[in-house]
Amino acid sequence: MPVITVGLDGSPESLAAADWAAREAAQQEALLRLVHAEEPVVPLYAPLGGVPAPGLLTAQRAWAEQLLRDTRSRLERRRPDLRVTTEEIRRPAVPALLSAAEDADLLVLGSRGLGTVTGFLVGSVALAVVARAERPVVLVRSGGRAEDEHLPDASGAPSETTPYRDVVLGVDLEHPADAVIAFAFEAARRRASGLRVVHGWNPAAVYGYGAVLDSGLDAELAQEARHGLREVLRPWRDKFPGVEVREQTVVGGAGRHLVHAARDAALVVVGRERRRTPLAGRIGPVTHAVLQHASAPVAVVPHD
């Protein structure tokens, strides 16, 4: 049985992440695992040479247990068939979540919204986990609702019963990653949604800035990009014949185009290259831009 793990800290964004993870677990018939990382908080004044007072630690653990219990109860009331487990991990948040991700097929975390500005404010914990996790991580913004993932009904009102909006996938033709593409196709198949594939290309980056002034060359490069994207997706179309795919090749970096596409998306899927170097843990500029500004949930899939 697949396992979906969600990190809880009691914040509105983590509770939104738990709701999203519950919907995904029901869709995949997966086990939902609620995890709270319990890192002792040292008060400004603590007796016994700076050691936290026993009463504070007891209260902290009681609060964590209540959070897990209440969240589990709420999710099970909404979805009686959902299998839910809870766990407290007494380690700092980042290593605790990375450890929890190792035993899961998917890790789900919350990301703070930017108030009235659509998008994410990715916290240090979420960003550190995304940069180092060996499993796919989905970030869910605060305020995200189930109906946001669906098309409006005939009257234009939000609905949870209408078809899903598209899944959006960013593809790098220089390094197309099977793990990222497979994740997006699977997500679209489960939702019976369309898949919109975005590839950004820049003629100046390949042929120099003079290429921008040559309309004939520009058209030729655009045709090559479209052909390349079709060829990359061809075996995946054959493997997932029920998924309707729309291809979009755009001039310039893919980041802003993916952010724009996210406004009407159920999910945005991007990749993160694993690095076995001192630079390990870095996130590429396209993925970083999507994490910071996309309004839809974002799945970051690590790949070699």
C-alpha atoms as a PDB file:
ATOM      1  CA  MET A   1       0.000   0.000   0.000  1.00  0.00           C
ATOM      2  CA  PRO A   2       1.371   3.468  -0.864  1.00  0.00           C
ATOM      3  CA  VAL A   3       2.235   5.733   2.059  1.00  0.00           C
ATOM      4  CA  ILE A   4       1.637   9.489   2.059  1.00  0.00           C
ATOM      5  CA  THR A   5       3.233  11.402   4.931  1.00  0.00           C
ATOM      6  CA  VAL A   6       2.280  14.924   5.947  1.00  0.00           C
ATOM      7  CA  GLY A   7       4.184  17.154   8.358  1.00  0.00           C
ATOM      8  CA  LEU A   8       2.050  18.887  10.978  1.00  0.00           C
ATOM      9  CA  ASP A   9       3.000  21.846  13.154  1.00  0.00           C
ATOM     10  CA  GLY A  10      -0.463  23.235  13.912  1.00  0.00           C
ATOM     11  CA  SER A  11      -0.219  26.121  11.446  1.00  0.00           C
ATOM     12  CA  PRO A  12      -3.054  26.800   8.959  1.00  0.00           C
ATOM     13  CA  GLU A  13      -0.784  25.826   6.087  1.00  0.00           C
ATOM     14  CA  SER A  14       0.085  22.471   7.631  1.00  0.00           C
ATOM     15  CA  LEU A  15      -3.605  21.755   8.224  1.00  0.00           C
ATOM     16  CA  ALA A  16      -4.292  22.621   4.566  1.00  0.00           C
ATOM     17  CA  ALA A  17      -1.496  20.214   3.664  1.00  0.00           C
ATOM     18  CA  ALA A  18      -3.161  17.512   5.762  1.00  0.00           C
ATOM     19  CA  ASP A  19      -6.453  18.062   3.933  1.00  0.00           C
ATOM     20  CA  TRP A  20      -4.728  17.827   0.549  1.00  0.00           C
ATOM     21  CA  ALA A  21      -2.817  14.718   1.630  1.00  0.00           C
ATOM     22  CA  ALA A  22      -6.065  13.087   2.788  1.00  0.00           C
ATOM     23  CA  ARG A  23      -7.671  13.690  -0.602  1.00  0.00           C
ATOM     24  CA  GLU A  24      -4.607  12.287  -2.330  1.00  0.00           C
ATOM     25  CA  ALA A  25      -4.490   9.262  -0.016  1.00  0.00           C
ATOM     26  CA  ALA A  26      -8.148   8.509  -0.736  1.00  0.00           C
ATOM     27  CA  GLN A  27      -7.475   8.807  -4.454  1.00  0.00           C
ATOM     28  CA  GLN A  28      -4.479   6.472  -4.305  1.00  0.00           C
ATOM     29  CA  GLU A  29      -5.993   4.161  -1.648  1.00  0.00           C
ATOM     30  CA  ALA A  30      -2.880   4.952   0.377  1.00  0.00           C
ATOM     31  CA  LEU A  31      -2.053   4.995   4.066  1.00  0.00           C
ATOM     32  CA  LEU A  32      -1.957   8.545   5.436  1.00  0.00           C
ATOM     33  CA  ARG A  33       0.712   9.166   8.049  1.00  0.00           C
ATOM     34  CA  LEU A  34       0.550  12.312  10.173  1.00  0.00           C
ATOM     35  CA  VAL A  35       3.938  13.314  11.582  1.00  0.00           C
ATOM     36  CA  HIS A  36       4.866  15.976  14.108  1.00  0.00           C
ATOM     37  CA  ALA A  37       8.531  16.799  14.720  1.00  0.00           C
ATOM     38  CA  GLU A  38       8.958  17.626  18.388  1.00  0.00           C
ATOM     39  CA  GLU A  39      11.912  19.913  18.893  1.00  0.00           C
ATOM     40  CA  PRO A  40      12.148  21.101  22.523  1.00  0.00           C
ATOM     41  CA  VAL A  41      11.765  24.852  22.865  1.00  0.00           C
ATOM     42  CA  VAL A  42      14.045  26.534  25.393  1.00  0.00           C
ATOM     43  CA  PRO A  43      12.302  29.440  27.156  1.00  0.00           C
ATOM     44  CA  LEU A  44      13.941  32.818  27.616  1.00  0.00           C
ATOM     45  CA  TYR A  45      14.446  31.921  31.276  1.00  0.00           C
ATOM     46  CA  ALA A  46      14.819  28.322  32.361  1.00  0.00           C
ATOM     47  CA  PRO A  47      15.895  27.059  35.780  1.00  0.00           C
ATOM     48  CA  LEU A  48      18.576  24.444  36.340  1.00  0.00           C
ATOM     49  CA  GLY A  49      21.213  26.007  34.165  1.00  0.00           C
ATOM     50  CA  GLY A  50      19.119  26.579  31.051  1.00  0.00           C
ATOM     51  CA  VAL A  51      17.400  23.187  30.930  1.00  0.00           C
ATOM     52  CA  PRO A  52      13.721  23.558  29.960  1.00  0.00           C
ATOM     53  CA  ALA A  53      11.358  23.136  32.879  1.00  0.00           C
ATOM     54  CA  PRO A  54       9.723  19.666  32.979  1.00  0.00           C
ATOM     55  CA  GLY A  55       6.287  21.263  32.954  1.00  0.00           C
ATOM     56  CA  LEU A  56       7.015  23.032  29.682  1.00  0.00           C
ATOM     57  CA  LEU A  57       8.146  19.826  27.986  1.00  0.00           C
ATOM     58  CA  THR A  58       5.099  17.982  29.277  1.00  0.00           C
ATOM     59  CA  ALA A  59       2.791  20.701  27.965  1.00  0.00           C
ATOM     60  CA  GLN A  60       4.580  20.703  24.620  1.00  0.00           C
ATOM     61  CA  ARG A  61       4.182  16.956  24.207  1.00  0.00           C
ATOM     62  CA  ALA A  62       0.553  17.081  25.294  1.00  0.00           C
ATOM     63  CA  TRP A  63      -0.111  19.785  22.707  1.00  0.00           C
ATOM     64  CA  ALA A  64       1.564  17.708  19.970  1.00  0.00           C
ATOM     65  CA  GLU A  65      -0.447  14.626  20.902  1.00  0.00           C
ATOM     66  CA  GLN A  66      -3.664  16.659  20.858  1.00  0.00           C
ATOM     67  CA  LEU A  67      -2.790  18.146  17.468  1.00  0.00           C
ATOM     68  CA  LEU A  68      -2.237  14.719  15.939  1.00  0.00           C
ATOM     69  CA  ARG A  69      -5.328  13.275  17.598  1.00  0.00           C
ATOM     70  CA  ASP A  70      -7.613  16.132  16.548  1.00  0.00           C
ATOM     71  CA  THR A  71      -6.316  16.192  12.964  1.00  0.00           C
ATOM     72  CA  ARG A  72      -6.709  12.431  12.631  1.00  0.00           C
ATOM     73  CA  SER A  73     -10.230  12.554  14.018  1.00  0.00           C
ATOM     74  CA  ARG A  74     -11.225  15.379  11.672  1.00  0.00           C
ATOM     75  CA  LEU A  75      -9.881  13.611   8.600  1.00  0.00           C
ATOM     76  CA  GLU A  76     -11.445  10.267   9.525  1.00  0.00           C
ATOM     77  CA  ARG A  77     -14.843  11.894  10.061  1.00  0.00           C
ATOM     78  CA  ARG A  78     -14.701  13.298   6.541  1.00  0.00           C
ATOM     79  CA  ARG A  79     -13.380  10.057   5.021  1.00  0.00           C
ATOM     80  CA  PRO A  80     -14.340   7.019   7.125  1.00  0.00           C
ATOM     81  CA  ASP A  81     -12.528   4.617   4.780  1.00  0.00           C
ATOM     82  CA  LEU A  82      -9.221   6.468   5.120  1.00  0.00           C
ATOM     83  CA  ARG A  83      -6.435   4.677   6.993  1.00  0.00           C
ATOM     84  CA  VAL A  84      -4.580   7.174   9.190  1.00  0.00           C
ATOM     85  CA  THR A  85      -1.647   6.755  11.563  1.00  0.00           C
ATOM     86  CA  THR A  86       0.156   9.321  13.698  1.00  0.00           C
ATOM     87  CA  GLU A  87       3.721   9.664  14.907  1.00  0.00           C
ATOM     88  CA  GLU A  88       5.762  12.058  17.010  1.00  0.00           C
ATOM     89  CA  ILE A  89       9.430  12.326  16.072  1.00  0.00           C
ATOM     90  CA  ARG A  90      11.603  13.904  18.739  1.00  0.00           C
ATOM     91  CA  ARG A  91      14.132  15.481  16.458  1.00  0.00           C
ATOM     92  CA  PRO A  92      14.517  18.887  14.791  1.00  0.00           C
ATOM     93  CA  ALA A  93      12.056  19.451  11.977  1.00  0.00           C
ATOM     94  CA  VAL A  94      14.300  19.130   8.912  1.00  0.00           C
ATOM     95  CA  PRO A  95      16.045  15.826   9.771  1.00  0.00           C
ATOM     96  CA  ALA A  96      12.784  14.469  11.171  1.00  0.00           C
ATOM     97  CA  LEU A  97      10.866  15.180   7.969  1.00  0.00           C
ATOM     98  CA  LEU A  98      13.679  13.900   5.775  1.00  0.00           C
ATOM     99  CA  SER A  99      13.697  10.689   7.789  1.00  0.00           C
ATOM    100  CA  ALA A 100       9.915  10.399   7.543  1.00  0.00           C
ATOM    101  CA  ALA A 101      10.088  10.921   3.789  1.00  0.00           C
ATOM    102  CA  GLU A 102      12.399   7.928   3.390  1.00  0.00           C
ATOM    103  CA  ASP A 103       9.571   5.584   4.391  1.00  0.00           C
ATOM    104  CA  ALA A 104       6.926   7.303   2.256  1.00  0.00           C
ATOM    105  CA  ASP A 105       5.980   7.488  -1.387  1.00  0.00           C
ATOM    106  CA  LEU A 106       5.090  11.159  -1.020  1.00  0.00           C
ATOM    107  CA  LEU A 107       5.757  13.863   1.582  1.00  0.00           C
ATOM    108  CA  VAL A 108       3.297  16.756   1.893  1.00  0.00           C
ATOM    109  CA  LEU A 109       4.145  20.054   3.612  1.00  0.00           C
ATOM    110  CA  GLY A 110       2.439  23.393   4.057  1.00  0.00           C
ATOM    111  CA  SER A 111       3.709  26.716   2.738  1.00  0.00           C
ATOM    112  CA  ARG A 112       2.670  30.104   4.042  1.00  0.00           C
ATOM    113  CA  GLY A 113       0.663  32.281   1.665  1.00  0.00           C
ATOM    114  CA  LEU A 114       1.729  35.827   0.884  1.00  0.00           C
ATOM    115  CA  GLY A 115      -1.400  37.432   2.267  1.00  0.00           C
ATOM    116  CA  THR A 116      -3.290  39.116  -0.574  1.00  0.00           C
ATOM    117  CA  VAL A 117      -0.579  38.198  -3.072  1.00  0.00           C
ATOM    118  CA  THR A 118      -1.130  34.839  -4.714  1.00  0.00           C
ATOM    119  CA  GLY A 119       1.640  32.375  -4.096  1.00  0.00           C
ATOM    120  CA  PHE A 120       3.971  30.811  -1.572  1.00  0.00           C
ATOM    121  CA  LEU A 121       6.302  32.111   1.051  1.00  0.00           C
ATOM    122  CA  VAL A 122       8.443  29.026   1.380  1.00  0.00           C
ATOM    123  CA  GLY A 123       9.757  28.678   4.926  1.00  0.00           C
ATOM    124  CA  SER A 124      13.293  27.573   5.734  1.00  0.00           C
ATOM    125  CA  VAL A 125      12.123  24.130   6.883  1.00  0.00           C
ATOM    126  CA  ALA A 126      10.072  23.413   3.761  1.00  0.00           C
ATOM    127  CA  LEU A 127      12.810  24.709   1.462  1.00  0.00           C
ATOM    128  CA  ALA A 128      15.498  22.651   3.206  1.00  0.00           C
ATOM    129  CA  VAL A 129      13.386  19.506   2.999  1.00  0.00           C
ATOM    130  CA  VAL A 130      12.519  20.038  -0.673  1.00  0.00           C
ATOM    131  CA  ALA A 131      16.192  20.588  -1.493  1.00  0.00           C
ATOM    132  CA  ARG A 132      17.350  17.353   0.144  1.00  0.00           C
ATOM    133  CA  ALA A 133      14.466  14.881   0.082  1.00  0.00           C
ATOM    134  CA  GLU A 134      14.910  11.672  -1.890  1.00  0.00           C
ATOM    135  CA  ARG A 135      11.150  11.359  -2.384  1.00  0.00           C
ATOM    136  CA  PRO A 136       8.662  13.650  -4.126  1.00  0.00           C
ATOM    137  CA  VAL A 137       7.484  16.535  -1.942  1.00  0.00           C
ATOM    138  CA  VAL A 138       4.245  18.465  -2.440  1.00  0.00           C
ATOM    139  CA  LEU A 139       3.892  21.964  -1.001  1.00  0.00           C
ATOM    140  CA  VAL A 140       0.373  23.202  -0.288  1.00  0.00           C
ATOM    141  CA  ARG A 141      -0.304  26.856   0.373  1.00  0.00           C
ATOM    142  CA  SER A 142      -2.400  28.141   3.230  1.00  0.00           C
ATOM    143  CA  GLY A 143      -5.987  28.717   2.189  1.00  0.00           C
ATOM    144  CA  GLY A 144      -5.950  26.090  -0.544  1.00  0.00           C
ATOM    145  CA  ARG A 145      -9.323  24.350  -0.865  1.00  0.00           C
ATOM    146  CA  ALA A 146     -10.483  21.167  -2.555  1.00  0.00           C
ATOM    147  CA  GLU A 147     -12.723  23.105  -4.945  1.00  0.00           C
ATOM    148  CA  ASP A 148      -9.725  25.123  -6.152  1.00  0.00           C
ATOM    149  CA  GLU A 149      -8.489  21.980  -7.903  1.00  0.00           C
ATOM    150  CA  HIS A 150     -11.729  21.610  -9.879  1.00  0.00           C
ATOM    151  CA  LEU A 151     -13.359  23.577 -12.664  1.00  0.00           C
ATOM    152  CA  PRO A 152     -16.260  25.828 -11.626  1.00  0.00           C
ATOM    153  CA  ASP A 153     -19.776  24.495 -12.147  1.00  0.00           C
ATOM    154  CA  ALA A 154     -22.183  25.674 -14.836  1.00  0.00           C
ATOM    155  CA  SER A 155     -23.075  28.746 -12.806  1.00  0.00           C
ATOM    156  CA  GLY A 156     -19.429  29.644 -12.269  1.00  0.00           C
ATOM    157  CA  ALA A 157     -19.477  28.675  -8.594  1.00  0.00           C
ATOM    158  CA  PRO A 158     -16.672  26.641  -6.957  1.00  0.00           C
ATOM    159  CA  SER A 159     -17.339  22.910  -6.819  1.00  0.00           C
ATOM    160  CA  GLU A 160     -15.700  19.673  -5.666  1.00  0.00           C
ATOM    161  CA  THR A 161     -17.760  17.515  -8.034  1.00  0.00           C
ATOM    162  CA  THR A 162     -16.779  19.026 -11.387  1.00  0.00           C
ATOM    163  CA  PRO A 163     -13.802  17.695 -13.417  1.00  0.00           C
ATOM    164  CA  TYR A 164     -10.308  18.477 -12.221  1.00  0.00           C
ATOM    165  CA  ARG A 165      -8.304  21.315 -13.645  1.00  0.00           C
ATOM    166  CA  ASP A 166      -5.199  20.359 -15.628  1.00  0.00           C
ATOM    167  CA  VAL A 167      -2.019  19.024 -14.114  1.00  0.00           C
ATOM    168  CA  VAL A 168       0.850  21.238 -15.319  1.00  0.00           C
ATOM    169  CA  LEU A 169       4.308  19.794 -15.977  1.00  0.00           C
ATOM    170  CA  GLY A 170       7.550  21.629 -16.625  1.00  0.00           C
ATOM    171  CA  VAL A 171       9.950  19.756 -18.954  1.00  0.00           C
ATOM    172  CA  ASP A 172      13.610  20.511 -19.675  1.00  0.00           C
ATOM    173  CA  LEU A 173      14.394  19.049 -23.107  1.00  0.00           C
ATOM    174  CA  GLU A 174      18.129  19.046 -22.412  1.00  0.00           C
ATOM    175  CA  HIS A 175      17.618  16.773 -19.405  1.00  0.00           C
ATOM    176  CA  PRO A 176      14.129  15.230 -19.547  1.00  0.00           C
ATOM    177  CA  ALA A 177      13.627  13.231 -16.357  1.00  0.00           C
ATOM    178  CA  ASP A 178      11.509  10.091 -16.518  1.00  0.00           C
ATOM    179  CA  ALA A 179      10.659  10.271 -12.804  1.00  0.00           C
ATOM    180  CA  VAL A 180       9.200  13.783 -13.155  1.00  0.00           C
ATOM    181  CA  ILE A 181       7.246  13.000 -16.326  1.00  0.00           C
ATOM    182  CA  ALA A 182       5.897   9.738 -14.884  1.00  0.00           C
ATOM    183  CA  PHE A 183       4.728  11.529 -11.717  1.00  0.00           C
ATOM    184  CA  ALA A 184       2.785  14.092 -13.765  1.00  0.00           C
ATOM    185  CA  PHE A 185       1.160  11.533 -16.055  1.00  0.00           C
ATOM    186  CA  GLU A 186       0.134   9.394 -13.074  1.00  0.00           C
ATOM    187  CA  ALA A 187      -1.324  12.431 -11.315  1.00  0.00           C
ATOM    188  CA  ALA A 188      -3.333  13.363 -14.429  1.00  0.00           C
ATOM    189  CA  ARG A 189      -4.520   9.780 -14.916  1.00  0.00           C
ATOM    190  CA  ARG A 190      -5.800   9.509 -11.333  1.00  0.00           C
ATOM    191  CA  ARG A 191      -7.643  12.802 -11.675  1.00  0.00           C
ATOM    192  CA  ALA A 192      -8.959  12.043 -15.188  1.00  0.00           C
ATOM    193  CA  SER A 193      -7.623  15.502 -16.034  1.00  0.00           C
ATOM    194  CA  GLY A 194      -5.679  16.997 -18.888  1.00  0.00           C
ATOM    195  CA  LEU A 195      -1.911  17.376 -18.742  1.00  0.00           C
ATOM    196  CA  ARG A 196      -0.413  20.669 -19.877  1.00  0.00           C
ATOM    197  CA  VAL A 197       3.316  20.386 -20.600  1.00  0.00           C
ATOM    198  CA  VAL A 198       5.403  23.568 -20.647  1.00  0.00           C
ATOM    199  CA  HIS A 199       8.906  23.855 -22.063  1.00  0.00           C
ATOM    200  CA  GLY A 200      10.788  27.145 -22.119  1.00  0.00           C
ATOM    201  CA  TRP A 201      13.523  27.785 -24.665  1.00  0.00           C
ATOM    202  CA  ASN A 202      15.820  30.727 -25.323  1.00  0.00           C
ATOM    203  CA  PRO A 203      17.484  31.093 -28.763  1.00  0.00           C
ATOM    204  CA  ALA A 204      19.955  33.624 -27.411  1.00  0.00           C
ATOM    205  CA  ALA A 205      21.251  31.122 -24.873  1.00  0.00           C
ATOM    206  CA  VAL A 206      22.076  28.640 -27.645  1.00  0.00           C
ATOM    207  CA  TYR A 207      23.034  30.715 -30.668  1.00  0.00           C
ATOM    208  CA  GLY A 208      23.868  34.091 -29.174  1.00  0.00           C
ATOM    209  CA  TYR A 209      21.845  37.262 -29.127  1.00  0.00           C
ATOM    210  CA  GLY A 210      22.123  37.673 -32.886  1.00  0.00           C
ATOM    211  CA  ALA A 211      19.712  34.765 -33.257  1.00  0.00           C
ATOM    212  CA  VAL A 212      16.948  36.866 -31.779  1.00  0.00           C
ATOM    213  CA  LEU A 213      17.191  39.237 -34.766  1.00  0.00           C
ATOM    214  CA  ASP A 214      16.879  36.440 -37.334  1.00  0.00           C
ATOM    215  CA  SER A 215      13.190  35.657 -37.711  1.00  0.00           C
ATOM    216  CA  GLY A 216      13.891  32.671 -39.949  1.00  0.00           C
ATOM    217  CA  LEU A 217      16.237  31.103 -37.442  1.00  0.00           C
ATOM    218  CA  ASP A 218      13.819  31.923 -34.660  1.00  0.00           C
ATOM    219  CA  ALA A 219      11.022  30.052 -36.431  1.00  0.00           C
ATOM    220  CA  GLU A 220      13.340  27.114 -37.092  1.00  0.00           C
ATOM    221  CA  LEU A 221      14.339  26.901 -33.446  1.00  0.00           C
ATOM    222  CA  ALA A 222      10.705  27.098 -32.378  1.00  0.00           C
ATOM    223  CA  GLN A 223       9.890  24.200 -34.682  1.00  0.00           C
ATOM    224  CA  GLU A 224      12.803  22.196 -33.260  1.00  0.00           C
ATOM    225  CA  ALA A 225      11.559  22.827 -29.719  1.00  0.00           C
ATOM    226  CA  ARG A 226       8.042  21.668 -30.588  1.00  0.00           C
ATOM    227  CA  HIS A 227       9.384  18.576 -32.341  1.00  0.00           C
ATOM    228  CA  GLY A 228      11.703  17.779 -29.429  1.00  0.00           C
ATOM    229  CA  LEU A 229       8.883  18.049 -26.914  1.00  0.00           C
ATOM    230  CA  ARG A 230       6.647  15.794 -29.011  1.00  0.00           C
ATOM    231  CA  GLU A 231       9.392  13.164 -29.216  1.00  0.00           C
ATOM    232  CA  VAL A 232      10.060  13.237 -25.486  1.00  0.00           C
ATOM    233  CA  LEU A 233       6.360  12.803 -24.728  1.00  0.00           C
ATOM    234  CA  ARG A 234       5.615  10.213 -27.407  1.00  0.00           C
ATOM    235  CA  PRO A 235       6.317   7.087 -25.283  1.00  0.00           C
ATOM    236  CA  TRP A 236       4.388   8.582 -22.373  1.00  0.00           C
ATOM    237  CA  ARG A 237       1.365   9.269 -24.544  1.00  0.00           C
ATOM    238  CA  ASP A 238       1.476   5.610 -25.601  1.00  0.00           C
ATOM    239  CA  LYS A 239       1.740   4.469 -21.977  1.00  0.00           C
ATOM    240  CA  PHE A 240      -1.094   6.747 -20.807  1.00  0.00           C
ATOM    241  CA  PRO A 241      -3.517   6.838 -23.757  1.00  0.00           C
ATOM    242  CA  GLY A 242      -6.338   8.156 -21.572  1.00  0.00           C
ATOM    243  CA  VAL A 243      -4.472  11.348 -20.644  1.00  0.00           C
ATOM    244  CA  GLU A 244      -5.122  14.301 -22.932  1.00  0.00           C
ATOM    245  CA  VAL A 245      -1.840  16.149 -23.399  1.00  0.00           C
ATOM    246  CA  ARG A 246      -1.412  19.767 -24.451  1.00  0.00           C
ATOM    247  CA  GLU A 247       2.110  20.876 -25.324  1.00  0.00           C
ATOM    248  CA  GLN A 248       3.319  24.440 -24.911  1.00  0.00           C
ATOM    249  CA  THR A 249       6.749  25.642 -26.008  1.00  0.00           C
ATOM    250  CA  VAL A 250       7.439  29.186 -24.863  1.00  0.00           C
ATOM    251  CA  VAL A 251      10.265  31.651 -25.391  1.00  0.00           C
ATOM    252  CA  GLY A 252      12.179  32.501 -22.238  1.00  0.00           C
ATOM    253  CA  GLY A 253      12.521  30.806 -18.889  1.00  0.00           C
ATOM    254  CA  ALA A 254       9.792  28.312 -18.060  1.00  0.00           C
ATOM    255  CA  GLY A 255       9.377  29.572 -14.492  1.00  0.00           C
ATOM    256  CA  ARG A 256       7.048  32.508 -15.135  1.00  0.00           C
ATOM    257  CA  HIS A 257       5.021  30.517 -17.656  1.00  0.00           C
ATOM    258  CA  LEU A 258       4.539  27.709 -15.132  1.00  0.00           C
ATOM    259  CA  VAL A 259       3.498  30.240 -12.497  1.00  0.00           C
ATOM    260  CA  HIS A 260       0.956  31.669 -14.929  1.00  0.00           C
ATOM    261  CA  ALA A 261      -0.340  28.193 -15.816  1.00  0.00           C
ATOM    262  CA  ALA A 262      -0.683  27.376 -12.111  1.00  0.00           C
ATOM    263  CA  ARG A 263      -3.577  29.825 -11.812  1.00  0.00           C
ATOM    264  CA  ASP A 264      -5.820  27.288 -13.542  1.00  0.00           C
ATOM    265  CA  ALA A 265      -4.090  24.078 -12.423  1.00  0.00           C
ATOM    266  CA  ALA A 266      -4.913  21.320  -9.964  1.00  0.00           C
ATOM    267  CA  LEU A 267      -1.216  20.583  -9.476  1.00  0.00           C
ATOM    268  CA  VAL A 268       2.124  21.789 -10.849  1.00  0.00           C
ATOM    269  CA  VAL A 269       4.927  19.237 -11.255  1.00  0.00           C
ATOM    270  CA  VAL A 270       8.588  20.248 -11.496  1.00  0.00           C
ATOM    271  CA  GLY A 271      11.876  18.446 -11.015  1.00  0.00           C
ATOM    272  CA  ARG A 272      14.940  18.818  -8.828  1.00  0.00           C
ATOM    273  CA  GLU A 273      18.208  17.253  -9.867  1.00  0.00           C
ATOM    274  CA  ARG A 274      19.960  15.212  -7.202  1.00  0.00           C
ATOM    275  CA  ARG A 275      23.502  16.443  -6.714  1.00  0.00           C
ATOM    276  CA  ARG A 276      26.351  14.311  -5.360  1.00  0.00           C
ATOM    277  CA  THR A 277      28.610  17.320  -4.924  1.00  0.00           C
ATOM    278  CA  PRO A 278      29.288  20.002  -2.294  1.00  0.00           C
ATOM    279  CA  LEU A 279      26.408  21.916  -3.932  1.00  0.00           C
ATOM    280  CA  ALA A 280      23.935  19.203  -2.886  1.00  0.00           C
ATOM    281  CA  GLY A 281      20.707  20.614  -1.565  1.00  0.00           C
ATOM    282  CA  ARG A 282      20.334  23.412  -4.110  1.00  0.00           C
ATOM    283  CA  ILE A 283      17.119  24.023  -6.023  1.00  0.00           C
ATOM    284  CA  GLY A 284      17.193  25.108  -9.662  1.00  0.00           C
ATOM    285  CA  PRO A 285      15.921  28.567 -10.664  1.00  0.00           C
ATOM    286  CA  VAL A 286      12.764  27.322 -12.414  1.00  0.00           C
ATOM    287  CA  THR A 287      11.696  25.147  -9.499  1.00  0.00           C
ATOM    288  CA  HIS A 288      12.549  27.920  -7.043  1.00  0.00           C
ATOM    289  CA  ALA A 289      10.437  30.430  -8.982  1.00  0.00           C
ATOM    290  CA  VAL A 290       7.483  28.048  -9.057  1.00  0.00           C
ATOM    291  CA  LEU A 291       7.767  27.352  -5.332  1.00  0.00           C
ATOM    292  CA  GLN A 292       7.809  31.048  -4.535  1.00  0.00           C
ATOM    293  CA  HIS A 293       4.959  32.186  -6.759  1.00  0.00           C
ATOM    294  CA  ALA A 294       2.651  29.368  -7.905  1.00  0.00           C
ATOM    295  CA  SER A 295      -0.868  29.414  -6.487  1.00  0.00           C
ATOM    296  CA  ALA A 296      -1.597  25.708  -6.973  1.00  0.00           C
ATOM    297  CA  PRO A 297      -0.004  22.858  -4.980  1.00  0.00           C
ATOM    298  CA  VAL A 298       3.498  22.157  -6.291  1.00  0.00           C
ATOM    299  CA  ALA A 299       5.094  18.697  -6.516  1.00  0.00           C
ATOM    300  CA  VAL A 300       8.884  18.665  -6.595  1.00  0.00           C
ATOM    301  CA  VAL A 301      10.216  15.343  -7.875  1.00  0.00           C
ATOM    302  CA  PRO A 302      13.914  14.508  -7.364  1.00  0.00           C
ATOM    303  CA  HIS A 303      15.713  12.870 -10.267  1.00  0.00           C
ATOM    304  CA  ASP A 304      19.220  11.828 -11.315  1.00  0.00           C
END
